N, C-alpha and C. Protein backbone atom coordinates (compact mmCIF):
# COMPACT_ATOMS: atom_id res chain seq x y z
N MET A 1 -16.82 0.90 42.03
CA MET A 1 -18.14 0.38 41.96
C MET A 1 -18.17 -1.01 42.59
N ALA A 2 -19.11 -1.20 43.40
CA ALA A 2 -19.30 -2.51 44.03
C ALA A 2 -20.32 -3.30 43.21
N THR A 3 -19.95 -4.51 42.90
CA THR A 3 -20.87 -5.33 42.12
C THR A 3 -21.67 -6.23 43.08
N ALA A 4 -22.95 -6.25 42.86
CA ALA A 4 -23.81 -7.09 43.70
C ALA A 4 -23.76 -8.52 43.18
N ALA A 5 -23.94 -9.44 44.08
CA ALA A 5 -23.94 -10.86 43.70
C ALA A 5 -25.30 -11.19 43.11
N THR A 6 -25.37 -11.13 41.79
CA THR A 6 -26.65 -11.39 41.12
C THR A 6 -26.57 -12.70 40.33
N THR A 7 -26.00 -13.67 40.93
CA THR A 7 -25.94 -14.96 40.23
C THR A 7 -27.26 -15.69 40.45
N SER A 8 -27.75 -16.26 39.40
CA SER A 8 -29.00 -16.99 39.48
C SER A 8 -28.76 -18.48 39.25
N ASP A 9 -27.74 -19.01 39.91
CA ASP A 9 -27.44 -20.43 39.78
C ASP A 9 -28.48 -21.23 40.56
N VAL A 10 -29.09 -22.13 39.87
CA VAL A 10 -30.09 -22.98 40.50
C VAL A 10 -29.44 -24.32 40.77
N LYS A 11 -29.48 -24.74 42.01
CA LYS A 11 -28.91 -26.04 42.34
C LYS A 11 -29.93 -27.11 42.00
N ARG A 12 -29.50 -28.05 41.21
CA ARG A 12 -30.39 -29.13 40.80
C ARG A 12 -29.98 -30.41 41.52
N ALA A 13 -30.98 -31.15 41.95
CA ALA A 13 -30.72 -32.41 42.62
C ALA A 13 -30.28 -33.46 41.60
N LYS A 14 -29.44 -34.36 42.05
CA LYS A 14 -29.02 -35.45 41.18
C LYS A 14 -30.20 -36.40 40.99
N PRO A 15 -30.39 -36.93 39.80
CA PRO A 15 -31.48 -37.89 39.61
C PRO A 15 -31.21 -39.15 40.43
N GLN A 16 -32.21 -39.55 41.20
CA GLN A 16 -32.08 -40.74 42.03
C GLN A 16 -33.07 -41.79 41.56
N LEU A 17 -32.72 -43.03 41.80
CA LEU A 17 -33.57 -44.13 41.40
C LEU A 17 -34.78 -44.19 42.31
N ASN A 18 -35.94 -44.02 41.72
CA ASN A 18 -37.19 -44.08 42.45
C ASN A 18 -37.53 -45.55 42.72
N VAL A 19 -38.25 -45.83 43.80
CA VAL A 19 -38.63 -47.20 44.13
C VAL A 19 -39.47 -47.80 43.00
N TYR A 20 -40.40 -47.04 42.49
CA TYR A 20 -41.27 -47.54 41.43
C TYR A 20 -40.51 -47.75 40.13
N THR A 21 -39.53 -46.93 39.87
CA THR A 21 -38.71 -47.12 38.68
C THR A 21 -37.90 -48.40 38.81
N GLY A 22 -37.39 -48.66 40.00
CA GLY A 22 -36.65 -49.89 40.25
C GLY A 22 -37.54 -51.12 40.08
N LEU A 23 -38.76 -51.06 40.62
CA LEU A 23 -39.68 -52.18 40.48
C LEU A 23 -40.07 -52.41 39.02
N LEU A 24 -40.28 -51.33 38.29
CA LEU A 24 -40.61 -51.44 36.87
C LEU A 24 -39.46 -52.06 36.09
N THR A 25 -38.25 -51.69 36.42
CA THR A 25 -37.07 -52.25 35.75
C THR A 25 -36.95 -53.75 36.02
N VAL A 26 -37.14 -54.14 37.29
CA VAL A 26 -37.06 -55.56 37.64
C VAL A 26 -38.16 -56.34 36.93
N ALA A 27 -39.37 -55.79 36.89
CA ALA A 27 -40.48 -56.47 36.22
C ALA A 27 -40.20 -56.63 34.73
N LEU A 28 -39.64 -55.62 34.11
CA LEU A 28 -39.32 -55.69 32.68
C LEU A 28 -38.26 -56.75 32.41
N LEU A 29 -37.25 -56.82 33.27
CA LEU A 29 -36.21 -57.84 33.10
C LEU A 29 -36.78 -59.24 33.29
N MET A 30 -37.71 -59.40 34.21
CA MET A 30 -38.34 -60.70 34.43
C MET A 30 -39.18 -61.12 33.23
N VAL A 31 -39.87 -60.16 32.61
CA VAL A 31 -40.67 -60.46 31.42
C VAL A 31 -39.77 -60.88 30.27
N ILE A 32 -38.66 -60.21 30.10
CA ILE A 32 -37.71 -60.56 29.03
C ILE A 32 -37.14 -61.96 29.28
N LEU A 33 -36.79 -62.26 30.53
CA LEU A 33 -36.26 -63.58 30.87
C LEU A 33 -37.31 -64.66 30.65
N ALA A 34 -38.55 -64.39 31.04
CA ALA A 34 -39.62 -65.37 30.86
C ALA A 34 -39.87 -65.64 29.37
N ALA A 35 -39.84 -64.60 28.56
CA ALA A 35 -40.04 -64.79 27.11
C ALA A 35 -38.91 -65.63 26.52
N ALA A 36 -37.70 -65.41 26.99
CA ALA A 36 -36.57 -66.20 26.50
C ALA A 36 -36.69 -67.66 26.92
N VAL A 37 -37.14 -67.90 28.15
CA VAL A 37 -37.30 -69.28 28.63
C VAL A 37 -38.40 -69.99 27.85
N VAL A 38 -39.52 -69.32 27.62
CA VAL A 38 -40.61 -69.93 26.86
C VAL A 38 -40.17 -70.22 25.42
N ALA A 39 -39.43 -69.31 24.82
CA ALA A 39 -38.93 -69.54 23.46
C ALA A 39 -37.96 -70.73 23.43
N LYS A 40 -37.13 -70.84 24.44
CA LYS A 40 -36.18 -71.97 24.52
C LYS A 40 -36.93 -73.28 24.71
N MET A 41 -37.95 -73.30 25.57
CA MET A 41 -38.73 -74.51 25.79
C MET A 41 -39.48 -74.90 24.50
N ASN A 42 -39.97 -73.92 23.78
CA ASN A 42 -40.68 -74.18 22.53
C ASN A 42 -39.73 -74.73 21.47
N THR A 43 -38.51 -74.27 21.48
CA THR A 43 -37.51 -74.79 20.55
C THR A 43 -37.25 -76.27 20.83
N ASP A 44 -37.18 -76.62 22.12
CA ASP A 44 -36.94 -78.01 22.49
C ASP A 44 -38.11 -78.90 22.09
N VAL A 45 -39.34 -78.39 22.21
CA VAL A 45 -40.52 -79.19 21.90
C VAL A 45 -40.68 -79.38 20.40
N THR A 46 -40.55 -78.32 19.63
CA THR A 46 -40.80 -78.41 18.19
C THR A 46 -39.61 -78.94 17.41
N GLY A 47 -38.41 -78.71 17.91
CA GLY A 47 -37.23 -79.10 17.16
C GLY A 47 -36.93 -78.16 16.02
N GLN A 48 -37.65 -77.03 15.98
CA GLN A 48 -37.45 -76.05 14.91
C GLN A 48 -37.10 -74.72 15.55
N GLY A 49 -37.63 -73.64 14.99
CA GLY A 49 -37.35 -72.31 15.52
C GLY A 49 -38.10 -72.05 16.81
N PRO A 50 -37.74 -71.01 17.53
CA PRO A 50 -38.34 -70.74 18.84
C PRO A 50 -39.79 -70.30 18.77
N PHE A 51 -40.27 -69.85 17.63
CA PHE A 51 -41.64 -69.35 17.54
C PHE A 51 -42.49 -70.16 16.57
N ASP A 52 -42.04 -71.38 16.24
CA ASP A 52 -42.82 -72.27 15.39
C ASP A 52 -43.82 -73.04 16.26
N THR A 53 -44.95 -73.35 15.68
CA THR A 53 -45.96 -74.09 16.44
C THR A 53 -45.69 -75.58 16.35
N ALA A 54 -46.02 -76.28 17.41
CA ALA A 54 -45.87 -77.73 17.42
C ALA A 54 -47.02 -78.35 16.67
N SER A 55 -46.74 -79.42 15.92
CA SER A 55 -47.80 -80.08 15.19
C SER A 55 -48.65 -80.91 16.14
N SER A 56 -49.96 -80.94 15.89
CA SER A 56 -50.84 -81.73 16.76
C SER A 56 -50.70 -83.19 16.42
N ARG A 57 -50.88 -84.03 17.42
CA ARG A 57 -50.66 -85.46 17.22
C ARG A 57 -51.95 -86.19 17.19
């Protein structure tokens, strides 16, 4: 008996980094960095925690 080649292997493409996914990742990292910088600057101004408000003078 001859067996027919009835394999149904589907070749799947490797996931590749999309341009928009890359831009979204860079934007997210920039937002995280900006939040850290603002929190650090606020810590220097208030002399307390990073999310405490400065007293008005």
